[in-house]
């Protein structure tokens, strides 16, 4: 494991367990087993460390979203949304405690937001990726033409975010992500897909 990786692992551990306020450069360096001077050889400041932790030490949601264009018209809409929901549940579950600390340190929030914008990333891009996928499925005839794809994307991702919020707020153990993702996807898809011709309310190929 590289020095940089050890620093990020230590920072992630502190941020998850003690919050951002306790994640000082001194504490991170100590937990990683290095001096602060070593830490600054790899990161210019705490903001850079925090940004790297969020980008590199959380479950990967980005690759799932980036792969959606290749899944248009393949498998089923429900299966594809289930995979998105599973990744989002894992991402929000681990990222929620860290991300909430951003709002207590405005400098960190501004720096992280600016960094995401420079890289064409951020919360809105998550919704945009899912919205774009649903719009493509609509063009393929697998999503109803009257569906508000922006609202559908917000419903699925918002439900995943709220799930993480509730678990942390009430200090509840997480449900099995796969089963929860399946339930969320099934519920959202029920209002999205095009019924097969002649069906009495059952879903069509998109389901």
C-alpha atoms as a PDB file:
ATOM      1  CA  UNK A   1       0.000   0.000   0.000  1.00  0.00           C
ATOM      2  CA  UNK A   2       1.353   3.410  -0.946  1.00  0.00           C
ATOM      3  CA  UNK A   3       1.804   6.306   1.464  1.00  0.00           C
ATOM      4  CA  UNK A   4      -1.014   8.149  -0.262  1.00  0.00           C
ATOM      5  CA  UNK A   5      -3.367   5.193   0.165  1.00  0.00           C
ATOM      6  CA  UNK A   6      -2.539   4.914   3.860  1.00  0.00           C
ATOM      7  CA  UNK A   7      -3.271   8.606   4.335  1.00  0.00           C
ATOM      8  CA  UNK A   8      -6.632   8.314   2.576  1.00  0.00           C
ATOM      9  CA  UNK A   9      -7.582   5.192   4.529  1.00  0.00           C
ATOM     10  CA  UNK A  10      -6.783   6.944   7.806  1.00  0.00           C
ATOM     11  CA  UNK A  11      -8.712  10.054   6.790  1.00  0.00           C
ATOM     12  CA  UNK A  12     -11.742   8.010   5.733  1.00  0.00           C
ATOM     13  CA  UNK A  13     -11.700   6.099   9.014  1.00  0.00           C
ATOM     14  CA  UNK A  14     -11.644   9.302  11.064  1.00  0.00           C
ATOM     15  CA  UNK A  15     -14.284  11.053   8.964  1.00  0.00           C
ATOM     16  CA  UNK A  16     -16.672   8.110   9.215  1.00  0.00           C
ATOM     17  CA  UNK A  17     -16.184   7.573  12.919  1.00  0.00           C
ATOM     18  CA  UNK A  18     -15.504  11.022  14.358  1.00  0.00           C
ATOM     19  CA  UNK A  19     -16.660  13.506  11.728  1.00  0.00           C
ATOM     20  CA  UNK A  20     -14.870  16.067   9.617  1.00  0.00           C
ATOM     21  CA  UNK A  21     -14.140  18.424  12.522  1.00  0.00           C
ATOM     22  CA  UNK A  22     -11.948  15.783  14.173  1.00  0.00           C
ATOM     23  CA  UNK A  23     -10.192  14.939  10.921  1.00  0.00           C
ATOM     24  CA  UNK A  24      -7.350  17.407  11.345  1.00  0.00           C
ATOM     25  CA  UNK A  25      -4.186  16.973   9.325  1.00  0.00           C
ATOM     26  CA  UNK A  26      -2.358  16.198  12.573  1.00  0.00           C
ATOM     27  CA  UNK A  27      -4.808  13.437  13.509  1.00  0.00           C
ATOM     28  CA  UNK A  28      -4.840  11.988   9.994  1.00  0.00           C
ATOM     29  CA  UNK A  29      -1.048  11.889   9.849  1.00  0.00           C
ATOM     30  CA  UNK A  30      -0.876  10.268  13.283  1.00  0.00           C
ATOM     31  CA  UNK A  31      -3.460   7.625  12.404  1.00  0.00           C
ATOM     32  CA  UNK A  32      -1.619   6.843   9.166  1.00  0.00           C
ATOM     33  CA  UNK A  33       1.706   6.592  10.985  1.00  0.00           C
ATOM     34  CA  UNK A  34       3.372   9.554   9.303  1.00  0.00           C
ATOM     35  CA  UNK A  35       4.384  13.097  10.121  1.00  0.00           C
ATOM     36  CA  UNK A  36       2.326  16.043   8.908  1.00  0.00           C
ATOM     37  CA  UNK A  37       5.237  16.927   6.636  1.00  0.00           C
ATOM     38  CA  UNK A  38       4.781  13.611   4.830  1.00  0.00           C
ATOM     39  CA  UNK A  39       1.066  14.261   4.486  1.00  0.00           C
ATOM     40  CA  UNK A  40       1.698  17.631   2.842  1.00  0.00           C
ATOM     41  CA  UNK A  41       3.974  16.025   0.286  1.00  0.00           C
ATOM     42  CA  UNK A  42       0.896  14.285  -1.116  1.00  0.00           C
ATOM     43  CA  UNK A  43      -1.913  16.763  -0.397  1.00  0.00           C
ATOM     44  CA  UNK A  44      -1.803  20.564  -0.229  1.00  0.00           C
ATOM     45  CA  UNK A  45      -4.443  20.805   2.509  1.00  0.00           C
ATOM     46  CA  UNK A  46      -7.350  19.151   4.288  1.00  0.00           C
ATOM     47  CA  UNK A  47      -9.739  20.071   1.484  1.00  0.00           C
ATOM     48  CA  UNK A  48      -7.695  18.041  -0.993  1.00  0.00           C
ATOM     49  CA  UNK A  49      -7.680  15.062   1.372  1.00  0.00           C
ATOM     50  CA  UNK A  50     -11.413  15.222   1.916  1.00  0.00           C
ATOM     51  CA  UNK A  51     -12.111  15.494  -1.801  1.00  0.00           C
ATOM     52  CA  UNK A  52      -9.892  12.494  -2.509  1.00  0.00           C
ATOM     53  CA  UNK A  53     -11.622  10.449   0.207  1.00  0.00           C
ATOM     54  CA  UNK A  54     -15.069  11.117  -1.260  1.00  0.00           C
ATOM     55  CA  UNK A  55     -13.863  10.350  -4.764  1.00  0.00           C
ATOM     56  CA  UNK A  56     -11.753   7.287  -3.990  1.00  0.00           C
ATOM     57  CA  UNK A  57     -12.941   5.710  -0.740  1.00  0.00           C
ATOM     58  CA  UNK A  58     -16.678   5.395  -1.305  1.00  0.00           C
ATOM     59  CA  UNK A  59     -18.587   2.672  -3.190  1.00  0.00           C
ATOM     60  CA  UNK A  60     -18.453   3.292  -6.918  1.00  0.00           C
ATOM     61  CA  UNK A  61     -21.678   4.816  -8.196  1.00  0.00           C
ATOM     62  CA  UNK A  62     -20.091   6.657 -11.102  1.00  0.00           C
ATOM     63  CA  UNK A  63     -19.095   3.610 -13.131  1.00  0.00           C
ATOM     64  CA  UNK A  64     -22.608   2.165 -12.859  1.00  0.00           C
ATOM     65  CA  UNK A  65     -24.086   5.397 -14.194  1.00  0.00           C
ATOM     66  CA  UNK A  66     -21.456   5.682 -16.921  1.00  0.00           C
ATOM     67  CA  UNK A  67     -22.353   2.195 -18.099  1.00  0.00           C
ATOM     68  CA  UNK A  68     -26.059   2.954 -18.521  1.00  0.00           C
ATOM     69  CA  UNK A  69     -25.858   4.059 -22.186  1.00  0.00           C
ATOM     70  CA  UNK A  70     -24.611   0.581 -23.116  1.00  0.00           C
ATOM     71  CA  UNK A  71     -27.588  -0.997 -21.338  1.00  0.00           C
ATOM     72  CA  UNK A  72     -30.293   0.888 -23.225  1.00  0.00           C
ATOM     73  CA  UNK A  73     -32.624  -1.636 -24.837  1.00  0.00           C
ATOM     74  CA  UNK A  74     -30.861  -4.532 -23.113  1.00  0.00           C
ATOM     75  CA  UNK A  75     -31.922  -6.658 -20.177  1.00  0.00           C
ATOM     76  CA  UNK A  76     -34.912  -4.975 -18.581  1.00  0.00           C
ATOM     77  CA  UNK A  77     -35.500  -1.477 -17.270  1.00  0.00           C
ATOM     78  CA  UNK A  78     -36.183  -2.925 -13.836  1.00  0.00           C
ATOM     79  CA  UNK A  79     -32.899  -4.839 -13.765  1.00  0.00           C
ATOM     80  CA  UNK A  80     -30.957  -1.779 -14.860  1.00  0.00           C
ATOM     81  CA  UNK A  81     -32.613   0.449 -12.261  1.00  0.00           C
ATOM     82  CA  UNK A  82     -32.051  -2.199  -9.608  1.00  0.00           C
ATOM     83  CA  UNK A  83     -28.303  -2.029 -10.233  1.00  0.00           C
ATOM     84  CA  UNK A  84     -28.389   1.774 -10.039  1.00  0.00           C
ATOM     85  CA  UNK A  85     -30.345   1.629  -6.780  1.00  0.00           C
ATOM     86  CA  UNK A  86     -27.965  -0.923  -5.252  1.00  0.00           C
ATOM     87  CA  UNK A  87     -24.942   1.244  -6.073  1.00  0.00           C
ATOM     88  CA  UNK A  88     -26.687   4.399  -4.832  1.00  0.00           C
ATOM     89  CA  UNK A  89     -27.702   2.758  -1.552  1.00  0.00           C
ATOM     90  CA  UNK A  90     -24.118   1.709  -0.868  1.00  0.00           C
ATOM     91  CA  UNK A  91     -22.739   5.109  -1.888  1.00  0.00           C
ATOM     92  CA  UNK A  92     -25.150   7.149   0.232  1.00  0.00           C
ATOM     93  CA  UNK A  93     -24.883   4.783   3.195  1.00  0.00           C
ATOM     94  CA  UNK A  94     -21.133   5.284   3.480  1.00  0.00           C
ATOM     95  CA  UNK A  95     -20.964   8.827   2.159  1.00  0.00           C
ATOM     96  CA  UNK A  96     -23.782  10.381   4.166  1.00  0.00           C
ATOM     97  CA  UNK A  97     -21.847  10.902   7.438  1.00  0.00           C
ATOM     98  CA  UNK A  98     -18.940  12.459   5.556  1.00  0.00           C
ATOM     99  CA  UNK A  99     -21.016  14.619   3.251  1.00  0.00           C
ATOM    100  CA  UNK A 100     -23.126  16.061   6.065  1.00  0.00           C
ATOM    101  CA  UNK A 101     -19.995  17.440   7.663  1.00  0.00           C
ATOM    102  CA  UNK A 102     -19.485  19.616   4.598  1.00  0.00           C
ATOM    103  CA  UNK A 103     -22.357  21.845   5.650  1.00  0.00           C
ATOM    104  CA  UNK A 104     -20.719  22.673   8.961  1.00  0.00           C
ATOM    105  CA  UNK A 105     -17.535  23.816   7.235  1.00  0.00           C
ATOM    106  CA  UNK A 106     -18.455  26.202   4.462  1.00  0.00           C
ATOM    107  CA  UNK A 107     -14.901  26.475   3.149  1.00  0.00           C
ATOM    108  CA  UNK A 108     -14.786  22.735   2.601  1.00  0.00           C
ATOM    109  CA  UNK A 109     -18.179  22.783   0.927  1.00  0.00           C
ATOM    110  CA  UNK A 110     -17.208  25.592  -1.445  1.00  0.00           C
ATOM    111  CA  UNK A 111     -13.879  23.980  -2.315  1.00  0.00           C
ATOM    112  CA  UNK A 112     -15.423  20.566  -2.901  1.00  0.00           C
ATOM    113  CA  UNK A 113     -18.243  22.034  -4.996  1.00  0.00           C
ATOM    114  CA  UNK A 114     -15.761  24.000  -7.120  1.00  0.00           C
ATOM    115  CA  UNK A 115     -13.618  20.911  -7.599  1.00  0.00           C
ATOM    116  CA  UNK A 116     -16.579  18.842  -8.756  1.00  0.00           C
ATOM    117  CA  UNK A 117     -17.665  21.539 -11.179  1.00  0.00           C
ATOM    118  CA  UNK A 118     -14.186  21.698 -12.688  1.00  0.00           C
ATOM    119  CA  UNK A 119     -14.395  17.967 -13.364  1.00  0.00           C
ATOM    120  CA  UNK A 120     -17.964  18.075 -14.667  1.00  0.00           C
ATOM    121  CA  UNK A 121     -19.261  16.126 -11.687  1.00  0.00           C
ATOM    122  CA  UNK A 122     -21.561  16.607  -8.717  1.00  0.00           C
ATOM    123  CA  UNK A 123     -24.976  15.547  -7.380  1.00  0.00           C
ATOM    124  CA  UNK A 124     -26.866  16.947 -10.353  1.00  0.00           C
ATOM    125  CA  UNK A 125     -24.823  14.843 -12.731  1.00  0.00           C
ATOM    126  CA  UNK A 126     -26.010  11.690 -10.972  1.00  0.00           C
ATOM    127  CA  UNK A 127     -29.630  12.607 -11.661  1.00  0.00           C
ATOM    128  CA  UNK A 128     -28.757  13.720 -15.188  1.00  0.00           C
ATOM    129  CA  UNK A 129     -27.132  10.376 -16.014  1.00  0.00           C
ATOM    130  CA  UNK A 130     -30.191   8.452 -14.858  1.00  0.00           C
ATOM    131  CA  UNK A 131     -32.571  10.880 -16.559  1.00  0.00           C
ATOM    132  CA  UNK A 132     -30.659  10.501 -19.833  1.00  0.00           C
ATOM    133  CA  UNK A 133     -30.850   6.720 -19.580  1.00  0.00           C
ATOM    134  CA  UNK A 134     -34.618   6.804 -19.002  1.00  0.00           C
ATOM    135  CA  UNK A 135     -35.078   9.198 -21.919  1.00  0.00           C
ATOM    136  CA  UNK A 136     -33.139   6.799 -24.155  1.00  0.00           C
ATOM    137  CA  UNK A 137     -35.327   3.920 -23.014  1.00  0.00           C
ATOM    138  CA  UNK A 138     -38.371   6.025 -23.841  1.00  0.00           C
ATOM    139  CA  UNK A 139     -37.046   6.508 -27.363  1.00  0.00           C
ATOM    140  CA  UNK A 140     -36.705   2.723 -27.566  1.00  0.00           C
ATOM    141  CA  UNK A 141     -40.339   2.355 -26.565  1.00  0.00           C
ATOM    142  CA  UNK A 142     -39.620   0.753 -23.196  1.00  0.00           C
ATOM    143  CA  UNK A 143     -40.686   3.754 -21.082  1.00  0.00           C
ATOM    144  CA  UNK A 144     -44.080   5.377 -21.481  1.00  0.00           C
ATOM    145  CA  UNK A 145     -44.095   8.627 -23.505  1.00  0.00           C
ATOM    146  CA  UNK A 146     -46.007  10.513 -20.798  1.00  0.00           C
ATOM    147  CA  UNK A 147     -43.475   9.784 -18.036  1.00  0.00           C
ATOM    148  CA  UNK A 148     -41.563  12.692 -16.485  1.00  0.00           C
ATOM    149  CA  UNK A 149     -38.084  11.161 -16.614  1.00  0.00           C
ATOM    150  CA  UNK A 150     -36.607  13.913 -14.433  1.00  0.00           C
ATOM    151  CA  UNK A 151     -39.112  13.110 -11.698  1.00  0.00           C
ATOM    152  CA  UNK A 152     -38.566   9.363 -12.105  1.00  0.00           C
ATOM    153  CA  UNK A 153     -34.797   9.749 -11.672  1.00  0.00           C
ATOM    154  CA  UNK A 154     -35.317  11.964  -8.629  1.00  0.00           C
ATOM    155  CA  UNK A 155     -37.751   9.474  -7.096  1.00  0.00           C
ATOM    156  CA  UNK A 156     -35.338   6.553  -7.300  1.00  0.00           C
ATOM    157  CA  UNK A 157     -32.213   8.401  -6.190  1.00  0.00           C
ATOM    158  CA  UNK A 158     -34.114  10.411  -3.593  1.00  0.00           C
ATOM    159  CA  UNK A 159     -35.474   7.217  -2.064  1.00  0.00           C
ATOM    160  CA  UNK A 160     -31.933   5.833  -1.812  1.00  0.00           C
ATOM    161  CA  UNK A 161     -30.706   9.028  -0.154  1.00  0.00           C
ATOM    162  CA  UNK A 162     -33.617   9.090   2.292  1.00  0.00           C
ATOM    163  CA  UNK A 163     -32.969   5.459   3.154  1.00  0.00           C
ATOM    164  CA  UNK A 164     -29.410   6.348   4.180  1.00  0.00           C
ATOM    165  CA  UNK A 165     -30.619   9.379   6.149  1.00  0.00           C
ATOM    166  CA  UNK A 166     -33.146   7.354   8.128  1.00  0.00           C
ATOM    167  CA  UNK A 167     -30.653   4.631   8.971  1.00  0.00           C
ATOM    168  CA  UNK A 168     -28.109   7.107  10.287  1.00  0.00           C
ATOM    169  CA  UNK A 169     -30.657   9.282  12.081  1.00  0.00           C
ATOM    170  CA  UNK A 170     -32.297   6.367  13.891  1.00  0.00           C
ATOM    171  CA  UNK A 171     -29.048   4.408  14.213  1.00  0.00           C
ATOM    172  CA  UNK A 172     -30.583   1.427  12.472  1.00  0.00           C
ATOM    173  CA  UNK A 173     -28.695  -1.389  10.828  1.00  0.00           C
ATOM    174  CA  UNK A 174     -28.823  -1.442   7.055  1.00  0.00           C
ATOM    175  CA  UNK A 175     -31.177  -3.799   5.266  1.00  0.00           C
ATOM    176  CA  UNK A 176     -29.795  -6.118   2.640  1.00  0.00           C
ATOM    177  CA  UNK A 177     -28.922  -3.643  -0.180  1.00  0.00           C
ATOM    178  CA  UNK A 178     -29.819  -6.080  -2.949  1.00  0.00           C
ATOM    179  CA  UNK A 179     -33.331  -6.680  -1.618  1.00  0.00           C
ATOM    180  CA  UNK A 180     -33.952  -3.002  -0.904  1.00  0.00           C
ATOM    181  CA  UNK A 181     -32.703  -2.057  -4.376  1.00  0.00           C
ATOM    182  CA  UNK A 182     -34.978  -4.657  -5.949  1.00  0.00           C
ATOM    183  CA  UNK A 183     -37.997  -3.269  -4.096  1.00  0.00           C
ATOM    184  CA  UNK A 184     -37.249   0.340  -5.042  1.00  0.00           C
ATOM    185  CA  UNK A 185     -36.644  -0.493  -8.700  1.00  0.00           C
ATOM    186  CA  UNK A 186     -39.806  -2.580  -8.927  1.00  0.00           C
ATOM    187  CA  UNK A 187     -41.906   0.221  -7.446  1.00  0.00           C
ATOM    188  CA  UNK A 188     -40.498   2.920  -9.730  1.00  0.00           C
ATOM    189  CA  UNK A 189     -40.728   0.741 -12.824  1.00  0.00           C
ATOM    190  CA  UNK A 190     -44.416   0.069 -12.175  1.00  0.00           C
ATOM    191  CA  UNK A 191     -45.141   3.636 -13.252  1.00  0.00           C
ATOM    192  CA  UNK A 192     -42.635   3.768 -16.090  1.00  0.00           C
ATOM    193  CA  UNK A 193     -42.836   0.861 -18.451  1.00  0.00           C
ATOM    194  CA  UNK A 194     -45.051   0.429 -21.469  1.00  0.00           C
ATOM    195  CA  UNK A 195     -47.689  -2.308 -20.958  1.00  0.00           C
ATOM    196  CA  UNK A 196     -47.677  -5.067 -23.524  1.00  0.00           C
ATOM    197  CA  UNK A 197     -50.449  -4.801 -26.090  1.00  0.00           C
ATOM    198  CA  UNK A 198     -53.643  -6.391 -24.809  1.00  0.00           C
ATOM    199  CA  UNK A 199     -52.381  -6.781 -21.242  1.00  0.00           C
ATOM    200  CA  UNK A 200     -54.729  -5.918 -18.413  1.00  0.00           C
ATOM    201  CA  UNK A 201     -52.288  -3.821 -16.446  1.00  0.00           C
ATOM    202  CA  UNK A 202     -49.266  -6.127 -16.518  1.00  0.00           C
ATOM    203  CA  UNK A 203     -45.958  -4.684 -17.629  1.00  0.00           C
ATOM    204  CA  UNK A 204     -44.409  -5.131 -21.018  1.00  0.00           C
ATOM    205  CA  UNK A 205     -40.921  -5.771 -22.272  1.00  0.00           C
ATOM    206  CA  UNK A 206     -39.410  -3.010 -20.164  1.00  0.00           C
ATOM    207  CA  UNK A 207     -40.331  -4.763 -16.937  1.00  0.00           C
END
